[in-house]
Protein backbone atom coordinates (compact mmCIF):
# COMPACT_ATOMS: atom_id res chain seq x y z
CA MET A 1 -19.97 -15.00 33.65
CA LYS A 2 -20.60 -11.17 32.68
CA LYS A 3 -17.05 -10.28 33.05
CA LEU A 4 -15.87 -13.40 30.59
CA LEU A 5 -18.60 -12.10 28.22
CA GLY A 6 -16.96 -8.66 28.46
CA GLU A 7 -13.76 -9.97 27.57
CA LEU A 8 -15.10 -12.00 24.86
CA PHE A 9 -16.83 -9.00 23.17
CA LYS A 10 -13.54 -6.59 23.59
CA SER A 11 -11.27 -9.64 22.19
CA LYS A 12 -13.77 -9.63 19.09
CA LYS A 13 -13.82 -5.76 18.67
CA ASN A 14 -10.01 -5.95 18.49
CA ILE A 15 -9.64 -8.76 16.09
CA ARG A 16 -12.44 -6.50 14.09
CA ASN A 17 -10.32 -3.14 14.37
CA LYS A 18 -7.03 -4.70 13.51
CA ARG A 19 -8.91 -6.25 10.22
CA ASP A 20 -9.88 -2.28 9.68
CA SER A 21 -6.35 -1.54 10.20
CA ASP A 22 -4.83 -3.76 8.17
CA GLY A 23 -7.25 -3.40 5.18
CA ASN A 24 -5.96 0.54 5.68
CA GLY A 25 -2.81 -0.68 5.89
CA ARG A 26 -3.10 -2.47 2.48
CA LYS A 27 -5.07 0.41 0.90
CA ILE A 28 -1.88 2.56 2.10
CA LEU A 29 0.85 0.04 0.71
CA GLU A 30 -1.09 -0.45 -2.61
CA LYS A 31 -1.21 3.35 -3.33
CA ARG A 32 2.72 3.47 -2.00
CA VAL A 33 3.47 0.70 -4.70
CA GLU A 34 1.21 2.39 -7.71
CA GLU A 35 3.24 5.56 -6.93
CA GLY A 36 6.56 3.81 -6.93
CA THR A 37 5.68 1.96 -9.96
CA ASN A 38 4.92 5.32 -11.81
CA ARG A 39 7.80 6.90 -10.50
CA ALA A 40 10.11 4.46 -12.11
CA ILE A 41 7.96 4.06 -15.56
CA LYS A 42 8.58 8.01 -15.73
CA GLU A 43 12.12 7.63 -15.15
CA TYR A 44 12.81 4.93 -17.31
CA ARG A 45 11.04 6.87 -20.03
CA GLU A 46 12.94 9.91 -19.58
CA VAL A 47 16.22 7.74 -20.13
CA PHE A 48 14.90 5.85 -23.10
CA ASN A 49 14.24 9.20 -24.45
CA LYS A 50 17.71 10.38 -23.72
CA LEU A 51 19.06 7.26 -25.72
CA ALA A 52 16.80 8.03 -28.67
CA GLU A 53 18.48 11.59 -28.89
CA TYR A 54 22.19 9.96 -28.54
CA ASP A 55 20.74 7.54 -31.38
CA LYS A 56 19.78 10.41 -33.58
CA ALA A 57 22.80 12.29 -33.38
């Protein structure tokens, strides 16, 4: 019985740790998506600025 309770406790702890790592994984993913979005916006701004310069000429 004691061994069974120990295994149950370990499995709950592993599930909790997995949730924590998944939470951190989501934060990392959100940060990467935000960085990628900001990079894409910056590149589009540069392209539109170049197009505006060509339109002026």
